[in-house]
């Protein structure tokens, strides 16, 4: 079976959702203030709530709606008894944390009416039924449904053209997606601007300008970022740095270490040690 670019991304960088609240909510609740690098998904089944964001911004959300914070972001819910808010809340942890390409590509905050997600209605109906009708295996089912919902959200953004720039916009571009698929599939290849442009069926100059305008990075900068994200993933999985370097397109461990320091400010070993310390906190 032929896979698509979005599926390939999720194959390399998975997502874990963890539902931690179901039911009525009343009072003031803070999120994203404990140092956790994950995001949040909130589903408002009924009622309304006031959302306080960074820099003093406030918005009111009415059911049925969802709010998705793909990355860690401080926010506060303020709910009174009269609001009668019924919520399902889940934490979102993309593999690779803040460096995950999917999390980076999503808006910091996405607010959607449930009615907008036409193709996700069966999934949302199932999710709401599981959330408010206790049954065996309920938590495990809810976690998986939330993960599927994020994929549906991404599909919606791509299909509706609601991404002006970044990776998702690139995946929606009929020419750039061909290059992105090739880069993602063969990160260790000896890529040049010319060979990338050839994948897109464009001239070198037009490709370079179009890529930067849509993705937000030059083609070679994006390739370096992609290789480093893959390197981080493999280091976390316990792979030796020499093997990692070869797998992501660097001729030696020292070459990877040099780029790693330039881009991330530390050696692979120091970075890995810090990641393990951070993981132990949670």
C-alpha atoms as a PDB file:
ATOM      1  CA  UNK A   1       0.000   0.000   0.000  1.00  0.00           C
ATOM      2  CA  UNK A   2       1.333   3.414  -0.964  1.00  0.00           C
ATOM      3  CA  UNK A   3       1.570   5.779   1.986  1.00  0.00           C
ATOM      4  CA  UNK A   4       1.040   9.526   1.949  1.00  0.00           C
ATOM      5  CA  UNK A   5       3.334  12.267   3.312  1.00  0.00           C
ATOM      6  CA  UNK A   6       1.331  12.829   6.495  1.00  0.00           C
ATOM      7  CA  UNK A   7       1.280   9.117   7.298  1.00  0.00           C
ATOM      8  CA  UNK A   8       5.035   8.954   6.731  1.00  0.00           C
ATOM      9  CA  UNK A   9       5.548  11.739   9.248  1.00  0.00           C
ATOM     10  CA  UNK A  10       3.480   9.955  11.882  1.00  0.00           C
ATOM     11  CA  UNK A  11       5.402   6.751  11.193  1.00  0.00           C
ATOM     12  CA  UNK A  12       8.648   8.520  12.070  1.00  0.00           C
ATOM     13  CA  UNK A  13       7.342  10.852  14.801  1.00  0.00           C
ATOM     14  CA  UNK A  14       4.459   9.345  16.719  1.00  0.00           C
ATOM     15  CA  UNK A  15       1.958  11.062  18.972  1.00  0.00           C
ATOM     16  CA  UNK A  16       0.740  10.053  22.416  1.00  0.00           C
ATOM     17  CA  UNK A  17      -2.404  11.519  23.937  1.00  0.00           C
ATOM     18  CA  UNK A  18      -3.366  11.142  27.588  1.00  0.00           C
ATOM     19  CA  UNK A  19      -6.880  12.075  28.702  1.00  0.00           C
ATOM     20  CA  UNK A  20      -6.844  13.565  32.200  1.00  0.00           C
ATOM     21  CA  UNK A  21     -10.282  15.172  32.553  1.00  0.00           C
ATOM     22  CA  UNK A  22     -13.835  14.232  31.605  1.00  0.00           C
ATOM     23  CA  UNK A  23     -16.995  15.940  32.744  1.00  0.00           C
ATOM     24  CA  UNK A  24     -18.101  19.243  34.207  1.00  0.00           C
ATOM     25  CA  UNK A  25     -15.584  21.986  34.881  1.00  0.00           C
ATOM     26  CA  UNK A  26     -16.073  24.921  37.209  1.00  0.00           C
ATOM     27  CA  UNK A  27     -13.660  27.515  38.539  1.00  0.00           C
ATOM     28  CA  UNK A  28     -10.215  28.555  37.290  1.00  0.00           C
ATOM     29  CA  UNK A  29      -7.822  25.960  35.876  1.00  0.00           C
ATOM     30  CA  UNK A  30      -4.276  26.616  34.587  1.00  0.00           C
ATOM     31  CA  UNK A  31      -2.503  24.583  31.917  1.00  0.00           C
ATOM     32  CA  UNK A  32       1.065  24.518  30.640  1.00  0.00           C
ATOM     33  CA  UNK A  33       2.653  25.986  33.758  1.00  0.00           C
ATOM     34  CA  UNK A  34       4.450  22.929  35.147  1.00  0.00           C
ATOM     35  CA  UNK A  35       7.392  22.878  32.749  1.00  0.00           C
ATOM     36  CA  UNK A  36       5.957  20.078  30.630  1.00  0.00           C
ATOM     37  CA  UNK A  37       6.894  20.481  26.960  1.00  0.00           C
ATOM     38  CA  UNK A  38       3.728  18.822  25.681  1.00  0.00           C
ATOM     39  CA  UNK A  39       0.589  20.371  24.251  1.00  0.00           C
ATOM     40  CA  UNK A  40      -3.115  20.072  25.057  1.00  0.00           C
ATOM     41  CA  UNK A  41      -6.336  19.123  23.320  1.00  0.00           C
ATOM     42  CA  UNK A  42      -9.627  20.335  24.812  1.00  0.00           C
ATOM     43  CA  UNK A  43     -13.050  19.247  23.579  1.00  0.00           C
ATOM     44  CA  UNK A  44     -15.965  21.357  24.755  1.00  0.00           C
ATOM     45  CA  UNK A  45     -19.044  19.168  24.443  1.00  0.00           C
ATOM     46  CA  UNK A  46     -21.525  21.528  26.078  1.00  0.00           C
ATOM     47  CA  UNK A  47     -21.640  24.999  27.622  1.00  0.00           C
ATOM     48  CA  UNK A  48     -19.052  27.715  27.275  1.00  0.00           C
ATOM     49  CA  UNK A  49     -15.791  28.876  28.810  1.00  0.00           C
ATOM     50  CA  UNK A  50     -13.458  31.850  28.870  1.00  0.00           C
ATOM     51  CA  UNK A  51      -9.900  31.198  27.784  1.00  0.00           C
ATOM     52  CA  UNK A  52      -7.088  33.443  28.996  1.00  0.00           C
ATOM     53  CA  UNK A  53      -3.991  33.324  26.804  1.00  0.00           C
ATOM     54  CA  UNK A  54      -0.541  34.838  26.966  1.00  0.00           C
ATOM     55  CA  UNK A  55      -0.113  38.603  26.875  1.00  0.00           C
ATOM     56  CA  UNK A  56      -3.542  39.163  28.447  1.00  0.00           C
ATOM     57  CA  UNK A  57      -5.588  37.931  25.496  1.00  0.00           C
ATOM     58  CA  UNK A  58      -9.017  36.497  26.316  1.00  0.00           C
ATOM     59  CA  UNK A  59     -11.538  34.632  24.194  1.00  0.00           C
ATOM     60  CA  UNK A  60     -14.863  32.935  24.789  1.00  0.00           C
ATOM     61  CA  UNK A  61     -15.554  29.506  23.329  1.00  0.00           C
ATOM     62  CA  UNK A  62     -18.987  27.964  22.880  1.00  0.00           C
ATOM     63  CA  UNK A  63     -19.791  24.280  22.470  1.00  0.00           C
ATOM     64  CA  UNK A  64     -19.360  22.155  20.545  1.00  0.00           C
ATOM     65  CA  UNK A  65     -15.764  23.156  19.845  1.00  0.00           C
ATOM     66  CA  UNK A  66     -12.196  22.001  20.189  1.00  0.00           C
ATOM     67  CA  UNK A  67      -9.037  23.837  21.167  1.00  0.00           C
ATOM     68  CA  UNK A  68      -5.677  22.402  20.204  1.00  0.00           C
ATOM     69  CA  UNK A  69      -2.371  23.608  21.625  1.00  0.00           C
ATOM     70  CA  UNK A  70       0.120  21.495  19.660  1.00  0.00           C
ATOM     71  CA  UNK A  71       3.044  22.818  21.702  1.00  0.00           C
ATOM     72  CA  UNK A  72       3.433  23.795  25.323  1.00  0.00           C
ATOM     73  CA  UNK A  73       1.569  27.051  25.916  1.00  0.00           C
ATOM     74  CA  UNK A  74       0.301  28.582  29.132  1.00  0.00           C
ATOM     75  CA  UNK A  75      -3.449  29.096  29.191  1.00  0.00           C
ATOM     76  CA  UNK A  76      -6.223  29.373  31.739  1.00  0.00           C
ATOM     77  CA  UNK A  77      -9.872  28.354  31.719  1.00  0.00           C
ATOM     78  CA  UNK A  78     -12.381  30.374  33.696  1.00  0.00           C
ATOM     79  CA  UNK A  79     -15.783  28.737  34.117  1.00  0.00           C
ATOM     80  CA  UNK A  80     -18.807  29.557  36.281  1.00  0.00           C
ATOM     81  CA  UNK A  81     -21.642  27.247  37.246  1.00  0.00           C
ATOM     82  CA  UNK A  82     -23.892  29.093  34.809  1.00  0.00           C
ATOM     83  CA  UNK A  83     -21.525  28.212  31.952  1.00  0.00           C
ATOM     84  CA  UNK A  84     -22.285  24.478  32.399  1.00  0.00           C
ATOM     85  CA  UNK A  85     -19.084  23.469  30.639  1.00  0.00           C
ATOM     86  CA  UNK A  86     -18.562  19.781  29.842  1.00  0.00           C
ATOM     87  CA  UNK A  87     -15.004  19.055  28.762  1.00  0.00           C
ATOM     88  CA  UNK A  88     -12.661  16.308  27.725  1.00  0.00           C
ATOM     89  CA  UNK A  89      -9.012  17.361  28.166  1.00  0.00           C
ATOM     90  CA  UNK A  90      -5.940  15.482  26.994  1.00  0.00           C
ATOM     91  CA  UNK A  91      -2.205  16.083  27.023  1.00  0.00           C
ATOM     92  CA  UNK A  92      -0.377  15.771  23.693  1.00  0.00           C
ATOM     93  CA  UNK A  93       3.190  14.520  23.453  1.00  0.00           C
ATOM     94  CA  UNK A  94       4.758  14.432  19.995  1.00  0.00           C
ATOM     95  CA  UNK A  95       7.884  12.307  19.713  1.00  0.00           C
ATOM     96  CA  UNK A  96      10.850  14.673  19.700  1.00  0.00           C
ATOM     97  CA  UNK A  97       9.032  17.292  21.782  1.00  0.00           C
ATOM     98  CA  UNK A  98       9.291  20.861  20.538  1.00  0.00           C
ATOM     99  CA  UNK A  99      11.468  19.690  17.629  1.00  0.00           C
ATOM    100  CA  UNK A 100       8.753  17.458  16.220  1.00  0.00           C
ATOM    101  CA  UNK A 101       8.029  18.644  12.653  1.00  0.00           C
ATOM    102  CA  UNK A 102       4.297  18.047  13.018  1.00  0.00           C
ATOM    103  CA  UNK A 103       4.031  20.059  16.236  1.00  0.00           C
ATOM    104  CA  UNK A 104       6.158  22.831  14.732  1.00  0.00           C
ATOM    105  CA  UNK A 105       3.950  22.977  11.644  1.00  0.00           C
ATOM    106  CA  UNK A 106       0.702  23.430  13.558  1.00  0.00           C
ATOM    107  CA  UNK A 107      -0.600  26.811  14.782  1.00  0.00           C
ATOM    108  CA  UNK A 108       0.170  27.637  18.398  1.00  0.00           C
ATOM    109  CA  UNK A 109      -3.581  27.624  19.070  1.00  0.00           C
ATOM    110  CA  UNK A 110      -6.255  26.180  16.848  1.00  0.00           C
ATOM    111  CA  UNK A 111      -9.922  26.716  17.683  1.00  0.00           C
ATOM    112  CA  UNK A 112     -12.466  24.874  15.558  1.00  0.00           C
ATOM    113  CA  UNK A 113     -16.183  24.350  15.729  1.00  0.00           C
ATOM    114  CA  UNK A 114     -16.994  20.649  15.684  1.00  0.00           C
ATOM    115  CA  UNK A 115     -19.250  21.358  12.688  1.00  0.00           C
ATOM    116  CA  UNK A 116     -16.169  22.322  10.641  1.00  0.00           C
ATOM    117  CA  UNK A 117     -14.706  18.838  10.973  1.00  0.00           C
ATOM    118  CA  UNK A 118     -17.256  17.182   8.700  1.00  0.00           C
ATOM    119  CA  UNK A 119     -15.264  13.994   8.097  1.00  0.00           C
ATOM    120  CA  UNK A 120     -14.466  13.658  11.805  1.00  0.00           C
ATOM    121  CA  UNK A 121     -18.079  13.642  13.015  1.00  0.00           C
ATOM    122  CA  UNK A 122     -18.291   9.840  13.509  1.00  0.00           C
ATOM    123  CA  UNK A 123     -15.009   9.962  15.430  1.00  0.00           C
ATOM    124  CA  UNK A 124     -16.181  12.876  17.596  1.00  0.00           C
ATOM    125  CA  UNK A 125     -19.505  11.167  18.299  1.00  0.00           C
ATOM    126  CA  UNK A 126     -17.624   8.057  19.409  1.00  0.00           C
ATOM    127  CA  UNK A 127     -15.242  10.133  21.515  1.00  0.00           C
ATOM    128  CA  UNK A 128     -18.038  12.000  23.301  1.00  0.00           C
ATOM    129  CA  UNK A 129     -19.906   8.735  23.901  1.00  0.00           C
ATOM    130  CA  UNK A 130     -16.825   7.134  25.463  1.00  0.00           C
ATOM    131  CA  UNK A 131     -16.076  10.231  27.529  1.00  0.00           C
ATOM    132  CA  UNK A 132     -19.458  10.453  29.185  1.00  0.00           C
ATOM    133  CA  UNK A 133     -20.561   6.807  29.290  1.00  0.00           C
ATOM    134  CA  UNK A 134     -18.076   4.842  31.454  1.00  0.00           C
ATOM    135  CA  UNK A 135     -17.112   1.422  30.131  1.00  0.00           C
ATOM    136  CA  UNK A 136     -14.246  -1.049  30.325  1.00  0.00           C
ATOM    137  CA  UNK A 137     -11.117   0.189  28.588  1.00  0.00           C
ATOM    138  CA  UNK A 138     -12.549   3.704  28.410  1.00  0.00           C
ATOM    139  CA  UNK A 139      -9.306   5.589  29.087  1.00  0.00           C
ATOM    140  CA  UNK A 140      -7.303   3.584  26.540  1.00  0.00           C
ATOM    141  CA  UNK A 141      -9.988   4.111  23.903  1.00  0.00           C
ATOM    142  CA  UNK A 142     -10.178   7.846  24.635  1.00  0.00           C
ATOM    143  CA  UNK A 143      -6.407   8.215  24.310  1.00  0.00           C
ATOM    144  CA  UNK A 144      -6.395   6.542  20.898  1.00  0.00           C
ATOM    145  CA  UNK A 145      -9.407   8.546  19.717  1.00  0.00           C
ATOM    146  CA  UNK A 146      -7.687  11.807  20.674  1.00  0.00           C
ATOM    147  CA  UNK A 147      -4.631  10.774  18.683  1.00  0.00           C
ATOM    148  CA  UNK A 148      -6.834  10.029  15.678  1.00  0.00           C
ATOM    149  CA  UNK A 149      -8.568  13.367  16.128  1.00  0.00           C
ATOM    150  CA  UNK A 150      -5.262  15.230  15.816  1.00  0.00           C
ATOM    151  CA  UNK A 151      -4.656  13.466  12.499  1.00  0.00           C
ATOM    152  CA  UNK A 152      -8.140  14.491  11.372  1.00  0.00           C
ATOM    153  CA  UNK A 153      -7.351  18.086  12.370  1.00  0.00           C
ATOM    154  CA  UNK A 154      -4.159  18.045  10.305  1.00  0.00           C
ATOM    155  CA  UNK A 155      -6.018  16.537   7.358  1.00  0.00           C
ATOM    156  CA  UNK A 156      -8.634  19.275   7.660  1.00  0.00           C
ATOM    157  CA  UNK A 157      -5.980  22.023   7.685  1.00  0.00           C
ATOM    158  CA  UNK A 158      -4.283  20.617   4.585  1.00  0.00           C
ATOM    159  CA  UNK A 159      -7.454  19.910   2.604  1.00  0.00           C
ATOM    160  CA  UNK A 160      -9.021  23.273   3.399  1.00  0.00           C
ATOM    161  CA  UNK A 161      -5.856  25.199   2.581  1.00  0.00           C
ATOM    162  CA  UNK A 162      -5.786  26.750   6.050  1.00  0.00           C
ATOM    163  CA  UNK A 163      -2.015  26.693   6.257  1.00  0.00           C
ATOM    164  CA  UNK A 164      -0.327  29.684   4.664  1.00  0.00           C
ATOM    165  CA  UNK A 165       3.222  28.654   5.427  1.00  0.00           C
ATOM    166  CA  UNK A 166       5.286  25.916   7.045  1.00  0.00           C
ATOM    167  CA  UNK A 167       5.446  22.159   6.587  1.00  0.00           C
ATOM    168  CA  UNK A 168       1.679  21.634   6.316  1.00  0.00           C
ATOM    169  CA  UNK A 169       1.494  24.256   3.568  1.00  0.00           C
ATOM    170  CA  UNK A 170       4.328  22.425   1.825  1.00  0.00           C
ATOM    171  CA  UNK A 171       2.456  19.137   2.027  1.00  0.00           C
ATOM    172  CA  UNK A 172      -0.546  20.860   0.439  1.00  0.00           C
ATOM    173  CA  UNK A 173       1.573  22.241  -2.422  1.00  0.00           C
ATOM    174  CA  UNK A 174       1.449  19.838  -5.425  1.00  0.00           C
ATOM    175  CA  UNK A 175       5.066  20.576  -6.383  1.00  0.00           C
ATOM    176  CA  UNK A 176       6.816  20.974  -3.036  1.00  0.00           C
ATOM    177  CA  UNK A 177       5.203  17.848  -1.619  1.00  0.00           C
ATOM    178  CA  UNK A 178       7.169  15.777  -4.136  1.00  0.00           C
ATOM    179  CA  UNK A 179      10.450  17.199  -2.855  1.00  0.00           C
ATOM    180  CA  UNK A 180       9.414  16.900   0.787  1.00  0.00           C
ATOM    181  CA  UNK A 181       8.469  13.257   0.311  1.00  0.00           C
ATOM    182  CA  UNK A 182      11.856  12.555  -1.242  1.00  0.00           C
ATOM    183  CA  UNK A 183      13.790  14.397   1.486  1.00  0.00           C
ATOM    184  CA  UNK A 184      11.851  12.634   4.217  1.00  0.00           C
ATOM    185  CA  UNK A 185      12.329   9.223   2.613  1.00  0.00           C
ATOM    186  CA  UNK A 186      16.045   9.600   1.797  1.00  0.00           C
ATOM    187  CA  UNK A 187      17.651  12.047   4.238  1.00  0.00           C
ATOM    188  CA  UNK A 188      21.120  10.580   3.681  1.00  0.00           C
ATOM    189  CA  UNK A 189      21.136  11.205  -0.070  1.00  0.00           C
ATOM    190  CA  UNK A 190      23.598  13.758  -1.475  1.00  0.00           C
ATOM    191  CA  UNK A 191      20.936  16.408  -1.979  1.00  0.00           C
ATOM    192  CA  UNK A 192      21.599  19.646  -3.833  1.00  0.00           C
ATOM    193  CA  UNK A 193      19.282  22.493  -4.796  1.00  0.00           C
ATOM    194  CA  UNK A 194      19.308  21.151  -8.350  1.00  0.00           C
ATOM    195  CA  UNK A 195      18.277  17.627  -7.353  1.00  0.00           C
ATOM    196  CA  UNK A 196      15.547  18.956  -5.045  1.00  0.00           C
ATOM    197  CA  UNK A 197      14.231  21.205  -7.812  1.00  0.00           C
ATOM    198  CA  UNK A 198      14.198  18.241 -10.174  1.00  0.00           C
ATOM    199  CA  UNK A 199      11.926  16.328  -7.773  1.00  0.00           C
ATOM    200  CA  UNK A 200       9.502  19.268  -7.845  1.00  0.00           C
ATOM    201  CA  UNK A 201       9.704  19.646 -11.610  1.00  0.00           C
ATOM    202  CA  UNK A 202      10.812  23.279 -11.307  1.00  0.00           C
ATOM    203  CA  UNK A 203      13.797  25.363 -12.296  1.00  0.00           C
ATOM    204  CA  UNK A 204      16.489  25.822  -9.680  1.00  0.00           C
ATOM    205  CA  UNK A 205      15.759  29.513  -9.076  1.00  0.00           C
ATOM    206  CA  UNK A 206      11.955  29.185  -9.015  1.00  0.00           C
ATOM    207  CA  UNK A 207      12.137  26.179  -6.706  1.00  0.00           C
ATOM    208  CA  UNK A 208      14.467  27.866  -4.200  1.00  0.00           C
ATOM    209  CA  UNK A 209      12.291  30.986  -4.026  1.00  0.00           C
ATOM    210  CA  UNK A 210       9.020  29.056  -3.847  1.00  0.00           C
ATOM    211  CA  UNK A 211      10.318  26.659  -1.197  1.00  0.00           C
ATOM    212  CA  UNK A 212      11.459  29.478   1.060  1.00  0.00           C
ATOM    213  CA  UNK A 213       8.225  31.441   0.569  1.00  0.00           C
ATOM    214  CA  UNK A 214       6.037  28.445   1.519  1.00  0.00           C
ATOM    215  CA  UNK A 215       8.123  26.491   4.031  1.00  0.00           C
ATOM    216  CA  UNK A 216       9.856  29.435   5.680  1.00  0.00           C
ATOM    217  CA  UNK A 217      13.381  28.022   5.318  1.00  0.00           C
ATOM    218  CA  UNK A 218      15.787  27.581   2.445  1.00  0.00           C
ATOM    219  CA  UNK A 219      15.783  24.030   1.017  1.00  0.00           C
ATOM    220  CA  UNK A 220      19.225  23.211   2.449  1.00  0.00           C
ATOM    221  CA  UNK A 221      18.313  24.684   5.832  1.00  0.00           C
ATOM    222  CA  UNK A 222      15.179  22.537   5.915  1.00  0.00           C
ATOM    223  CA  UNK A 223      17.216  19.461   5.004  1.00  0.00           C
ATOM    224  CA  UNK A 224      19.646  20.161   7.855  1.00  0.00           C
ATOM    225  CA  UNK A 225      16.764  20.596  10.295  1.00  0.00           C
ATOM    226  CA  UNK A 226      15.169  17.369   9.093  1.00  0.00           C
ATOM    227  CA  UNK A 227      18.424  15.440   9.445  1.00  0.00           C
ATOM    228  CA  UNK A 228      18.960  16.757  12.972  1.00  0.00           C
ATOM    229  CA  UNK A 229      15.429  15.849  14.015  1.00  0.00           C
ATOM    230  CA  UNK A 230      15.984  12.317  12.754  1.00  0.00           C
ATOM    231  CA  UNK A 231      19.351  12.205  14.518  1.00  0.00           C
ATOM    232  CA  UNK A 232      17.728  13.250  17.795  1.00  0.00           C
ATOM    233  CA  UNK A 233      15.091  10.564  17.393  1.00  0.00           C
ATOM    234  CA  UNK A 234      17.686   7.866  16.765  1.00  0.00           C
ATOM    235  CA  UNK A 235      19.923   9.015  19.615  1.00  0.00           C
ATOM    236  CA  UNK A 236      16.970   8.814  21.990  1.00  0.00           C
ATOM    237  CA  UNK A 237      16.367   5.273  20.731  1.00  0.00           C
ATOM    238  CA  UNK A 238      19.898   4.303  21.803  1.00  0.00           C
ATOM    239  CA  UNK A 239      21.646   4.281  18.430  1.00  0.00           C
ATOM    240  CA  UNK A 240      25.411   4.905  18.356  1.00  0.00           C
ATOM    241  CA  UNK A 241      26.330   8.342  17.046  1.00  0.00           C
ATOM    242  CA  UNK A 242      28.461   6.934  14.209  1.00  0.00           C
ATOM    243  CA  UNK A 243      25.531   4.904  12.899  1.00  0.00           C
ATOM    244  CA  UNK A 244      23.204   7.874  13.341  1.00  0.00           C
ATOM    245  CA  UNK A 245      25.550  10.134  11.387  1.00  0.00           C
ATOM    246  CA  UNK A 246      25.640   7.739   8.427  1.00  0.00           C
ATOM    247  CA  UNK A 247      21.872   7.242   8.517  1.00  0.00           C
ATOM    248  CA  UNK A 248      21.078  10.954   8.270  1.00  0.00           C
ATOM    249  CA  UNK A 249      23.641  11.989   5.681  1.00  0.00           C
ATOM    250  CA  UNK A 250      26.874  12.884   7.506  1.00  0.00           C
ATOM    251  CA  UNK A 251      30.147  11.192   6.641  1.00  0.00           C
ATOM    252  CA  UNK A 252      31.334  10.910  10.230  1.00  0.00           C
ATOM    253  CA  UNK A 253      30.307  11.320  13.862  1.00  0.00           C
ATOM    254  CA  UNK A 254      32.468  14.438  14.096  1.00  0.00           C
ATOM    255  CA  UNK A 255      30.647  16.014  11.139  1.00  0.00           C
ATOM    256  CA  UNK A 256      27.285  15.421  12.795  1.00  0.00           C
ATOM    257  CA  UNK A 257      28.605  16.713  16.116  1.00  0.00           C
ATOM    258  CA  UNK A 258      29.838  19.908  14.463  1.00  0.00           C
ATOM    259  CA  UNK A 259      26.420  20.643  12.907  1.00  0.00           C
ATOM    260  CA  UNK A 260      24.676  19.591  16.114  1.00  0.00           C
ATOM    261  CA  UNK A 261      26.704  22.147  18.096  1.00  0.00           C
ATOM    262  CA  UNK A 262      26.142  24.900  15.550  1.00  0.00           C
ATOM    263  CA  UNK A 263      22.388  24.424  15.437  1.00  0.00           C
ATOM    264  CA  UNK A 264      21.496  23.213  18.931  1.00  0.00           C
ATOM    265  CA  UNK A 265      24.273  24.660  21.066  1.00  0.00           C
ATOM    266  CA  UNK A 266      25.531  21.399  22.550  1.00  0.00           C
ATOM    267  CA  UNK A 267      27.100  18.104  21.573  1.00  0.00           C
ATOM    268  CA  UNK A 268      24.871  15.083  20.879  1.00  0.00           C
ATOM    269  CA  UNK A 269      26.053  13.474  24.135  1.00  0.00           C
ATOM    270  CA  UNK A 270      25.241  16.558  26.227  1.00  0.00           C
ATOM    271  CA  UNK A 271      21.883  16.970  24.528  1.00  0.00           C
ATOM    272  CA  UNK A 272      20.998  13.320  25.099  1.00  0.00           C
ATOM    273  CA  UNK A 273      21.968  13.531  28.774  1.00  0.00           C
ATOM    274  CA  UNK A 274      19.723  16.567  29.263  1.00  0.00           C
ATOM    275  CA  UNK A 275      16.815  14.860  27.485  1.00  0.00           C
ATOM    276  CA  UNK A 276      17.058  11.894  29.822  1.00  0.00           C
ATOM    277  CA  UNK A 277      17.134  14.169  32.868  1.00  0.00           C
ATOM    278  CA  UNK A 278      14.060  16.007  31.622  1.00  0.00           C
ATOM    279  CA  UNK A 279      12.239  12.740  30.938  1.00  0.00           C
ATOM    280  CA  UNK A 280      12.976  11.537  34.483  1.00  0.00           C
ATOM    281  CA  UNK A 281      11.150  14.586  35.845  1.00  0.00           C
ATOM    282  CA  UNK A 282       7.895  13.361  34.347  1.00  0.00           C
END
